[in-house]
Amino acid sequence: MITNDNKKLAQWAMEFALKNGCQSSRVTLYNGSSSSFEIRDMKIDRLQQASENSLVIHLFVDGRYGSFSTNRLDKKELEKFIRNGIDSTRYLAEDKARTLPDASLYYKGDGADLQLIDPKFDSIQPDEKVSLAMKTCEEMMGKDDRIISANSSYSDEKDFKYMVASNGFEGEACGSSFSLVASVSIRGEGDARPESYWYDSSLYFDTMIKEGLGTKALERVFRRLLSPVIDALYGSSIQQKNSFLLDKLDQKVLGDKLTLIDEPHLIKASGARYFDGEGVATKRMPVFENGVLKTYYIDTYSANKMEVKPTIASPSILTMQMGDKNTDSLIASVDKGILVTGFNGGNCNSTTGDFSYGVEGFLIEKGKLTQPISEMNATGNMIALWNNLTEVGNDPRLFSSWRIPSLLFDGVDFSGL
């Protein structure tokens, strides 16, 4: 955790910057530790432990802005570091849109504990971590003659953040996470070497799934389809007119089935927070309501550039209004289609929304998975794709900050089967 002495050091650094030429300043202190263990074919392949203390200072000098970081938290060294930062900032081009947020937007510190850190974190022994990874690998080893390699990994981390700004913000945040991953590669037909993986992650060690990961063969990866839509909502994209959702606020642009809500204050949830990276208070926000665009993600800089009100810099926890079917039930409802379990490269044009992705997965025929597919392409347009969303599943992975369930689309253009 961040000690009172280090908090005082951050406050001192901010004041020192103000006394040496800054008109305003923000300082963020980070403290964290992590460990990871990787197993390959039942042998420890790599282990790593790390801890970090760092300070990031944002300097606003004569209409110019600079950001500098260091892990040397000594006052004498920080004096030179900050002075050099101020001098360097003066060489940058003037950019008056770079300011601290309006103080009225700051989080005021009145929220309940989000319970984002596991109090048992430091009591979990290395032997137990290695044993979990070994057991996961063992679930795959020797189960099929076609297996080339079975790999697993365990990792955990905890981090603390303290932030103070010269126009009145002071706040703290902390969190922990644990993850367990299984991956396997097998001999396919000819030279093919198909791979699959499964994993679980949790803020708390006791709630992380620790068995069965090695036997899971499929990974549902639908976040890839939502990312271009969210990217198109950022203030930087809007300001640069590099968004296929430009000037679409309060308009119906996507399908009726898409209702997406940003829920930042969920207890014990990955992505929960009371303030963003600028200290601006978060709140529950509808992003899409039955396909109608309700908000953009506009930080202070982009807002100043466009002369509009800021909202929040980025999403916290994205939740989708769900249906009543899981993946298996959605598959059973399809006469002929493709279950996409992974993406292999590709891109989306941020201005037009046109996309082309390599995909892998399984052919669906009469409600059943009949054969694996790979080296296929899915092409189309993001707005058209999401307007063809016909059904939303009920099975999001709750450890993720993007809680996107299985999705059923109609009319997707696939090639390569």
Protein backbone atom coordinates (compact mmCIF):
# COMPACT_ATOMS: atom_id res chain seq x y z
CA MET A 1 0.00 0.00 0.00
CA ILE A 2 1.00 3.64 -0.31
CA THR A 3 2.28 5.01 2.98
CA ASN A 4 1.46 8.40 4.47
CA ASP A 5 5.08 9.42 3.92
CA ASN A 6 4.76 8.72 0.20
CA LYS A 7 1.46 10.60 0.05
CA LYS A 8 3.18 13.57 1.62
CA LEU A 9 5.96 13.16 -0.94
CA ALA A 10 3.41 13.35 -3.77
CA GLN A 11 1.87 16.47 -2.25
CA TRP A 12 5.32 18.00 -1.85
CA ALA A 13 6.16 17.20 -5.51
CA MET A 14 2.99 18.92 -6.66
CA GLU A 15 3.73 22.02 -4.56
CA PHE A 16 7.38 22.05 -5.67
CA ALA A 17 6.25 22.08 -9.30
CA LEU A 18 3.91 25.02 -8.61
CA LYS A 19 6.71 26.97 -6.92
CA ASN A 20 9.06 26.40 -9.85
CA GLY A 21 7.02 27.61 -12.79
CA CYS A 22 3.93 25.41 -13.16
CA GLN A 23 0.49 26.99 -13.18
CA SER A 24 -1.10 23.65 -12.26
CA SER A 25 0.02 20.09 -11.64
CA ARG A 26 -1.21 16.57 -10.96
CA VAL A 27 0.84 13.82 -9.30
CA THR A 28 0.03 10.11 -9.25
CA LEU A 29 1.86 7.52 -7.14
CA TYR A 30 1.73 3.83 -8.04
CA ASN A 31 2.71 0.89 -5.87
CA GLY A 32 2.28 -2.73 -6.82
CA SER A 33 3.54 -6.30 -6.76
CA SER A 34 3.00 -9.31 -8.99
CA SER A 35 4.02 -12.93 -9.48
CA SER A 36 3.62 -15.46 -12.28
CA PHE A 37 4.40 -19.14 -12.85
CA GLU A 38 4.36 -20.77 -16.29
CA ILE A 39 4.25 -24.54 -16.80
CA ARG A 40 5.09 -26.31 -20.06
CA ASP A 41 4.43 -30.05 -20.30
CA MET A 42 4.44 -30.42 -16.49
CA LYS A 43 7.73 -28.58 -16.00
CA ILE A 44 8.22 -25.07 -14.66
CA ASP A 45 9.15 -23.00 -17.69
CA ARG A 46 9.33 -19.57 -16.10
CA LEU A 47 8.67 -17.81 -12.82
CA GLN A 48 8.67 -14.12 -12.11
CA GLN A 49 8.11 -11.84 -9.15
CA ALA A 50 8.19 -8.07 -9.28
CA SER A 51 7.37 -4.99 -7.23
CA GLU A 52 7.17 -1.40 -8.36
CA ASN A 53 6.98 2.10 -6.94
CA SER A 54 6.62 4.97 -9.39
CA LEU A 55 5.60 8.59 -9.56
CA VAL A 56 3.99 10.30 -12.56
CA ILE A 57 3.77 14.09 -12.64
CA HIS A 58 1.68 16.09 -15.09
CA LEU A 59 2.97 19.62 -15.62
CA PHE A 60 0.95 22.51 -17.05
CA VAL A 61 3.43 25.28 -17.87
CA ASP A 62 2.65 28.50 -19.76
CA GLY A 63 -0.07 26.87 -21.86
CA ARG A 64 2.05 23.76 -22.47
CA TYR A 65 1.71 20.26 -21.08
CA GLY A 66 4.22 17.54 -20.18
CA SER A 67 3.99 14.19 -18.40
CA PHE A 68 7.02 12.55 -16.76
CA SER A 69 7.55 9.42 -14.67
CA THR A 70 10.24 8.08 -12.36
CA ASN A 71 10.75 5.28 -9.86
CA ARG A 72 13.34 7.18 -7.83
CA LEU A 73 11.34 8.60 -4.93
CA ASP A 74 14.02 10.67 -3.24
CA LYS A 75 13.37 14.37 -2.65
CA LYS A 76 16.76 15.55 -3.86
CA GLU A 77 16.47 13.56 -7.06
CA LEU A 78 12.85 14.61 -7.52
CA GLU A 79 13.81 18.28 -7.31
CA LYS A 80 16.11 17.90 -10.30
CA PHE A 81 13.61 15.62 -12.07
CA ILE A 82 10.77 18.15 -11.72
CA ARG A 83 12.88 21.16 -12.69
CA ASN A 84 14.11 19.31 -15.78
CA GLY A 85 10.53 18.37 -16.59
CA ILE A 86 9.38 21.98 -16.35
CA ASP A 87 12.26 23.14 -18.56
CA SER A 88 11.49 20.42 -21.11
CA THR A 89 7.80 21.27 -21.14
CA ARG A 90 8.59 24.85 -22.10
CA TYR A 91 10.09 23.54 -25.35
CA LEU A 92 6.81 21.91 -26.34
CA ALA A 93 4.23 23.54 -28.57
CA GLU A 94 1.56 25.59 -26.84
CA ASP A 95 -1.69 23.66 -26.37
CA LYS A 96 -4.19 25.54 -24.24
CA ALA A 97 -6.70 22.70 -24.46
CA ARG A 98 -4.47 20.78 -22.02
CA THR A 99 -5.89 21.64 -18.60
CA LEU A 100 -6.91 19.95 -15.40
CA PRO A 101 -10.62 19.03 -15.26
CA ASP A 102 -13.06 21.52 -13.78
CA ALA A 103 -12.95 20.92 -10.01
CA SER A 104 -16.74 20.51 -9.87
CA LEU A 105 -16.39 17.25 -11.84
CA TYR A 106 -14.02 15.58 -9.36
CA TYR A 107 -14.97 12.59 -7.26
CA LYS A 108 -15.64 13.86 -3.73
CA GLY A 109 -14.82 10.67 -1.83
CA ASP A 110 -18.30 9.74 -0.61
CA GLY A 111 -18.66 6.28 -2.18
CA ALA A 112 -18.90 2.95 -0.36
CA ASP A 113 -15.97 0.52 -0.43
CA LEU A 114 -15.95 -1.22 -3.82
CA GLN A 115 -14.04 -4.15 -2.25
CA LEU A 116 -11.58 -4.51 -5.12
CA ILE A 117 -8.66 -6.02 -3.18
CA ASP A 118 -8.39 -9.48 -1.63
CA PRO A 119 -7.27 -9.21 2.03
CA LYS A 120 -5.76 -12.73 1.68
CA PHE A 121 -3.43 -11.70 -1.14
CA ASP A 122 -0.18 -11.81 0.85
CA SER A 123 -1.02 -15.08 2.63
CA ILE A 124 -1.12 -17.22 -0.54
CA GLN A 125 2.09 -19.24 -0.68
CA PRO A 126 4.20 -19.81 -3.82
CA ASP A 127 3.81 -23.60 -3.51
CA GLU A 128 0.04 -23.25 -3.75
CA LYS A 129 0.35 -21.07 -6.86
CA VAL A 130 2.66 -23.55 -8.59
CA SER A 131 0.40 -26.45 -7.62
CA LEU A 132 -2.61 -24.79 -9.27
CA ALA A 133 -0.71 -24.30 -12.51
CA MET A 134 0.57 -27.87 -12.41
CA LYS A 135 -2.91 -29.31 -11.87
CA THR A 136 -4.25 -27.29 -14.77
CA CYS A 137 -1.50 -28.61 -17.04
CA GLU A 138 -2.13 -32.15 -15.79
CA GLU A 139 -5.75 -31.91 -16.95
CA MET A 140 -4.44 -31.79 -20.54
CA MET A 141 -1.30 -33.94 -20.50
CA GLY A 142 -1.69 -37.37 -22.06
CA LYS A 143 -5.42 -37.00 -22.70
CA ASP A 144 -5.03 -37.31 -26.48
CA ASP A 145 -2.28 -38.73 -28.70
CA ARG A 146 -2.46 -35.64 -30.93
CA ILE A 147 -1.34 -33.24 -28.17
CA ILE A 148 1.93 -31.52 -29.06
CA SER A 149 2.24 -29.26 -26.04
CA ALA A 150 0.21 -28.42 -22.94
CA ASN A 151 0.84 -25.15 -21.13
CA SER A 152 -0.60 -23.43 -18.12
CA SER A 153 0.12 -20.34 -16.09
CA TYR A 154 -0.84 -18.72 -12.81
CA SER A 155 -0.46 -14.99 -12.19
CA ASP A 156 -1.53 -12.46 -9.59
CA GLU A 157 -1.03 -8.78 -8.90
CA LYS A 158 -2.12 -6.05 -6.52
CA ASP A 159 -1.76 -2.34 -7.07
CA PHE A 160 -2.40 0.90 -5.24
CA LYS A 161 -2.79 4.40 -6.64
CA TYR A 162 -2.80 7.80 -4.96
CA MET A 163 -3.53 10.93 -6.96
CA VAL A 164 -3.48 14.62 -6.01
CA ALA A 165 -4.14 17.66 -8.21
CA SER A 166 -3.43 21.32 -7.58
CA ASN A 167 -7.06 22.41 -8.06
CA GLY A 168 -8.41 20.32 -5.24
CA PHE A 169 -8.53 16.63 -6.08
CA GLU A 170 -7.19 13.89 -3.79
CA GLY A 171 -8.09 10.24 -4.21
CA GLU A 172 -6.95 6.65 -3.74
CA ALA A 173 -7.69 3.39 -5.54
CA CYS A 174 -6.52 -0.18 -5.16
CA GLY A 175 -7.17 -3.60 -6.61
CA SER A 176 -6.05 -7.21 -6.85
CA SER A 177 -6.42 -9.87 -9.52
CA PHE A 178 -5.70 -13.56 -9.98
CA SER A 179 -5.72 -15.57 -13.20
CA LEU A 180 -5.24 -19.17 -14.30
CA VAL A 181 -4.73 -20.02 -17.98
CA ALA A 182 -4.63 -23.31 -19.91
CA SER A 183 -3.55 -23.67 -23.55
CA VAL A 184 -2.95 -26.69 -25.74
CA SER A 185 -1.71 -27.31 -29.29
CA ILE A 186 -2.43 -30.49 -31.23
CA ARG A 187 -1.59 -32.10 -34.56
CA GLY A 188 -4.27 -31.36 -37.12
CA GLU A 189 -4.66 -32.41 -40.71
CA GLY A 190 -1.54 -31.94 -42.84
CA ASP A 191 0.63 -29.18 -41.43
CA ALA A 192 -2.13 -27.64 -39.32
CA ARG A 193 -1.33 -27.12 -35.63
CA PRO A 194 -4.60 -25.89 -34.10
CA GLU A 195 -4.46 -24.33 -30.64
CA SER A 196 -7.09 -23.55 -28.05
CA TYR A 197 -7.13 -22.04 -24.59
CA TRP A 198 -9.35 -21.30 -21.64
CA TYR A 199 -8.85 -19.19 -18.58
CA ASP A 200 -10.45 -17.66 -15.54
CA SER A 201 -9.70 -14.51 -13.64
CA SER A 202 -11.00 -12.95 -10.46
CA LEU A 203 -10.36 -10.11 -8.04
CA TYR A 204 -10.43 -12.67 -5.20
CA PHE A 205 -8.39 -15.88 -4.99
CA ASP A 206 -11.24 -17.93 -3.47
CA THR A 207 -13.69 -17.08 -6.28
CA MET A 208 -11.32 -17.91 -9.14
CA ILE A 209 -12.23 -21.17 -10.91
CA LYS A 210 -9.38 -23.58 -10.26
CA GLU A 211 -10.55 -26.83 -11.87
CA GLY A 212 -11.65 -27.80 -15.36
CA LEU A 213 -9.83 -25.06 -17.25
CA GLY A 214 -7.51 -27.58 -18.91
CA THR A 215 -10.46 -29.50 -20.37
CA LYS A 216 -12.14 -26.47 -21.94
CA ALA A 217 -11.59 -26.42 -25.71
CA LEU A 218 -13.29 -23.24 -26.83
CA GLU A 219 -12.93 -19.56 -26.05
CA ARG A 220 -15.73 -17.18 -26.93
CA VAL A 221 -14.09 -13.93 -28.06
CA PHE A 222 -16.79 -11.36 -28.89
CA ARG A 223 -15.05 -8.35 -27.33
CA ARG A 224 -13.17 -7.98 -30.65
CA LEU A 225 -16.44 -7.03 -32.37
CA LEU A 226 -17.38 -4.41 -29.77
CA SER A 227 -13.97 -2.72 -29.58
CA PRO A 228 -14.30 -0.72 -32.84
CA VAL A 229 -17.71 0.54 -31.68
CA ILE A 230 -16.31 1.75 -28.35
CA ASP A 231 -13.20 3.20 -30.02
CA ALA A 232 -15.53 5.25 -32.24
CA LEU A 233 -17.03 6.86 -29.10
CA TYR A 234 -13.77 8.31 -27.74
CA GLY A 235 -13.39 12.09 -27.75
CA SER A 236 -10.06 11.80 -29.57
CA SER A 237 -11.79 10.01 -32.48
CA ILE A 238 -14.70 12.45 -32.52
CA GLN A 239 -12.41 15.51 -32.37
CA GLN A 240 -10.28 14.19 -35.24
CA LYS A 241 -13.44 13.28 -37.22
CA ASN A 242 -12.08 9.76 -37.36
CA SER A 243 -15.21 7.95 -36.19
CA PHE A 244 -18.02 6.16 -38.01
CA LEU A 245 -20.29 7.32 -35.14
CA LEU A 246 -19.53 11.02 -35.62
CA ASP A 247 -22.57 13.30 -35.07
CA LYS A 248 -24.77 10.32 -34.16
CA LEU A 249 -25.65 11.25 -30.56
CA ASP A 250 -29.30 10.48 -29.69
CA GLN A 251 -29.74 8.79 -33.06
CA LYS A 252 -30.63 5.15 -33.67
CA VAL A 253 -27.52 3.76 -35.31
CA LEU A 254 -27.36 0.11 -34.22
CA GLY A 255 -29.94 -2.65 -33.80
CA ASP A 256 -32.84 -2.84 -31.32
CA LYS A 257 -31.16 -5.70 -29.46
CA LEU A 258 -28.16 -3.60 -28.39
CA THR A 259 -28.56 -1.99 -24.98
CA LEU A 260 -25.19 -1.27 -23.39
CA ILE A 261 -24.72 0.33 -19.96
CA ASP A 262 -21.55 1.57 -18.24
CA GLU A 263 -21.82 0.47 -14.59
CA PRO A 264 -18.74 1.79 -12.71
CA HIS A 265 -19.83 1.15 -9.11
CA LEU A 266 -20.42 -2.62 -9.02
CA ILE A 267 -19.00 -4.13 -5.82
CA LYS A 268 -16.14 -6.63 -6.19
CA ALA A 269 -16.11 -6.15 -9.96
CA SER A 270 -13.13 -5.78 -12.27
CA GLY A 271 -13.14 -2.27 -13.70
CA ALA A 272 -15.12 -0.70 -10.85
CA ARG A 273 -13.96 2.79 -9.89
CA TYR A 274 -15.19 6.09 -8.50
CA PHE A 275 -12.97 8.29 -10.66
CA ASP A 276 -11.08 8.10 -13.94
CA GLY A 277 -7.42 8.85 -14.65
CA GLU A 278 -8.09 12.58 -14.33
CA GLY A 279 -10.02 12.32 -11.05
CA VAL A 280 -13.39 12.98 -12.72
CA ALA A 281 -16.22 11.22 -10.88
CA THR A 282 -17.75 8.23 -12.64
CA LYS A 283 -21.47 7.50 -12.81
CA ARG A 284 -23.85 4.99 -14.35
CA MET A 285 -24.27 5.88 -18.02
CA PRO A 286 -26.32 4.34 -20.83
CA VAL A 287 -24.09 3.98 -23.90
CA PHE A 288 -26.67 2.51 -26.30
CA GLU A 289 -30.37 2.10 -25.57
CA ASN A 290 -32.05 -0.22 -28.08
CA GLY A 291 -29.49 0.91 -30.64
CA VAL A 292 -29.75 4.64 -29.85
CA LEU A 293 -26.38 6.25 -29.07
CA LYS A 294 -26.60 8.04 -25.71
CA THR A 295 -23.05 9.17 -24.85
CA TYR A 296 -19.50 9.72 -26.03
CA TYR A 297 -16.36 9.22 -23.89
CA ILE A 298 -14.89 12.73 -23.84
CA ASP A 299 -11.92 13.61 -21.61
CA THR A 300 -10.94 17.16 -20.59
CA TYR A 301 -8.47 17.66 -23.44
CA SER A 302 -10.89 16.59 -26.18
CA ALA A 303 -13.69 18.59 -24.57
CA ASN A 304 -11.54 21.74 -24.55
CA LYS A 305 -10.59 21.14 -28.18
CA MET A 306 -14.21 20.78 -29.26
CA GLU A 307 -15.59 23.34 -26.79
CA VAL A 308 -18.09 20.85 -25.37
CA LYS A 309 -18.73 19.44 -21.91
CA PRO A 310 -16.57 16.46 -20.87
CA THR A 311 -18.18 13.18 -19.85
CA ILE A 312 -15.62 10.59 -18.72
CA ALA A 313 -12.32 9.52 -20.26
CA SER A 314 -13.05 5.82 -20.83
CA PRO A 315 -15.46 2.96 -20.03
CA SER A 316 -15.48 1.34 -16.60
CA ILE A 317 -17.66 -1.79 -16.67
CA LEU A 318 -19.71 -2.38 -19.83
CA THR A 319 -22.82 -4.50 -19.28
CA MET A 320 -25.25 -5.65 -21.95
CA GLN A 321 -28.98 -6.26 -21.60
CA MET A 322 -29.18 -10.04 -21.92
CA GLY A 323 -31.52 -12.64 -23.30
CA ASP A 324 -32.37 -16.08 -21.89
CA LYS A 325 -30.07 -18.45 -23.86
CA ASN A 326 -26.50 -19.61 -23.34
CA THR A 327 -24.12 -20.51 -26.17
CA ASP A 328 -25.39 -24.08 -26.49
CA SER A 329 -28.99 -22.88 -26.82
CA LEU A 330 -28.03 -20.27 -29.40
CA ILE A 331 -26.17 -22.93 -31.42
CA ALA A 332 -29.21 -25.20 -31.28
CA SER A 333 -31.34 -22.44 -32.84
CA VAL A 334 -29.09 -22.07 -35.92
CA ASP A 335 -29.78 -24.10 -39.07
CA LYS A 336 -26.46 -23.20 -40.71
CA GLY A 337 -23.81 -20.82 -39.46
CA ILE A 338 -20.40 -20.35 -37.88
CA LEU A 339 -19.53 -20.37 -34.18
CA VAL A 340 -16.63 -17.92 -33.98
CA THR A 341 -14.28 -18.87 -31.15
CA GLY A 342 -11.26 -16.74 -32.08
CA PHE A 343 -9.93 -13.98 -34.29
CA ASN A 344 -6.66 -14.17 -36.23
CA GLY A 345 -5.71 -10.65 -37.21
CA GLY A 346 -7.59 -8.21 -39.37
CA ASN A 347 -8.67 -4.61 -38.98
CA CYS A 348 -11.55 -2.15 -38.93
CA ASN A 349 -11.57 1.23 -40.67
CA SER A 350 -12.29 3.71 -37.87
CA THR A 351 -13.85 6.27 -40.24
CA THR A 352 -16.17 4.03 -42.25
CA GLY A 353 -16.62 1.02 -39.95
CA ASP A 354 -15.67 -1.44 -42.71
CA PHE A 355 -13.92 -4.51 -41.29
CA SER A 356 -12.15 -7.69 -42.32
CA TYR A 357 -11.11 -10.27 -39.68
CA GLY A 358 -9.59 -13.71 -39.85
CA VAL A 359 -11.69 -16.10 -37.76
CA GLU A 360 -11.65 -19.64 -36.46
CA GLY A 361 -14.32 -21.76 -34.85
CA PHE A 362 -16.85 -24.42 -35.85
CA LEU A 363 -19.39 -24.99 -38.62
CA ILE A 364 -22.96 -25.21 -37.33
CA GLU A 365 -25.38 -27.45 -39.23
CA LYS A 366 -28.94 -28.09 -38.04
CA GLY A 367 -28.16 -26.85 -34.54
CA LYS A 368 -24.99 -28.92 -34.04
CA LEU A 369 -21.23 -28.28 -34.30
CA THR A 370 -20.04 -30.47 -37.16
CA GLN A 371 -16.46 -29.55 -38.04
CA PRO A 372 -13.73 -27.09 -37.02
CA ILE A 373 -12.94 -24.20 -39.34
CA SER A 374 -9.89 -21.95 -39.64
CA GLU A 375 -8.30 -19.55 -42.13
CA MET A 376 -11.69 -17.99 -42.83
CA ASN A 377 -12.46 -14.29 -43.21
CA ALA A 378 -15.44 -12.31 -41.94
CA THR A 379 -16.02 -9.01 -43.76
CA GLY A 380 -18.61 -6.27 -43.57
CA ASN A 381 -19.45 -3.00 -41.86
CA MET A 382 -19.78 -2.46 -38.09
CA ILE A 383 -23.04 -0.52 -38.29
CA ALA A 384 -24.60 -3.16 -40.58
CA LEU A 385 -23.26 -5.98 -38.38
CA TRP A 386 -24.73 -4.62 -35.15
CA ASN A 387 -28.01 -3.86 -36.91
CA ASN A 388 -28.13 -7.59 -37.70
CA LEU A 389 -27.77 -8.62 -34.04
CA THR A 390 -30.70 -11.03 -33.68
CA GLU A 391 -30.19 -12.44 -30.17
CA VAL A 392 -28.14 -11.73 -27.05
CA GLY A 393 -27.07 -14.57 -24.79
CA ASN A 394 -27.05 -14.75 -21.00
CA ASP A 395 -23.50 -15.95 -20.34
CA PRO A 396 -21.04 -13.03 -19.91
CA ARG A 397 -17.76 -13.76 -18.17
CA LEU A 398 -18.19 -11.74 -14.99
CA PHE A 399 -14.48 -11.34 -14.27
CA SER A 400 -14.13 -9.08 -17.31
CA SER A 401 -14.78 -5.35 -17.26
CA TRP A 402 -16.52 -5.87 -20.63
CA ARG A 403 -19.38 -8.22 -19.72
CA ILE A 404 -20.32 -9.31 -23.22
CA PRO A 405 -22.32 -12.56 -23.55
CA SER A 406 -22.59 -14.83 -26.58
CA LEU A 407 -24.12 -12.99 -29.52
CA LEU A 408 -26.06 -14.22 -32.55
CA PHE A 409 -25.76 -12.23 -35.80
CA ASP A 410 -27.56 -12.74 -39.10
CA GLY A 411 -26.18 -12.11 -42.58
CA VAL A 412 -22.44 -12.12 -41.78
CA ASP A 413 -20.28 -12.53 -44.87
CA PHE A 414 -17.81 -15.43 -44.37
CA SER A 415 -15.35 -16.67 -46.98
CA GLY A 416 -12.84 -19.52 -47.05
CA LEU A 417 -14.93 -22.53 -45.99
